[in-house]
Each structure stands twice: as structure tokens, then as C-alpha cells.
Amino acid sequence: MHKLIPAYIKLIYLFSFSLI
């Protein structure tokens, strides 16, 4: 379950980059 947290952070980071 702890491995899912970093994956979500990476997804949010990618999403934030796409927003800019």
C-alpha cells in the first residue's frame, strides 16, 4: 500500500505539469 502513495504523487506531479 505504501508503494501506491508515490505513484499517486507522480500522477499529480504530471497533471500539474500539464496544467501549466
C-alpha atoms as a PDB file:
ATOM      1  CA  MET A   1       0.000   0.000   0.000  1.00  0.00           C
ATOM      2  CA  HIS A   2       2.932   2.296   0.701  1.00  0.00           C
ATOM      3  CA  LYS A   3       4.054   1.850  -2.898  1.00  0.00           C
ATOM      4  CA  LEU A   4       0.777   3.336  -4.121  1.00  0.00           C
ATOM      5  CA  ILE A   5       1.384   6.674  -2.402  1.00  0.00           C
ATOM      6  CA  PRO A   6       4.473   7.593  -4.530  1.00  0.00           C
ATOM      7  CA  ALA A   7       2.606   6.538  -7.667  1.00  0.00           C
ATOM      8  CA  TYR A   8      -0.211   8.958  -6.866  1.00  0.00           C
ATOM      9  CA  ILE A   9       2.266  11.761  -6.160  1.00  0.00           C
ATOM     10  CA  LYS A  10       3.885  11.139  -9.545  1.00  0.00           C
ATOM     11  CA  LEU A  11       0.475  11.279 -11.226  1.00  0.00           C
ATOM     12  CA  ILE A  12      -0.388  14.558  -9.528  1.00  0.00           C
ATOM     13  CA  TYR A  13       3.025  15.957 -10.468  1.00  0.00           C
ATOM     14  CA  LEU A  14       2.482  15.027 -14.119  1.00  0.00           C
ATOM     15  CA  PHE A  15      -1.008  16.524 -14.030  1.00  0.00           C
ATOM     16  CA  SER A  16       0.323  19.756 -12.540  1.00  0.00           C
ATOM     17  CA  PHE A  17       2.933  19.975 -15.293  1.00  0.00           C
ATOM     18  CA  SER A  18       0.240  19.517 -17.932  1.00  0.00           C
ATOM     19  CA  LEU A  19      -1.814  22.310 -16.370  1.00  0.00           C
ATOM     20  CA  ILE A  20       0.986  24.836 -16.716  1.00  0.00           C
END
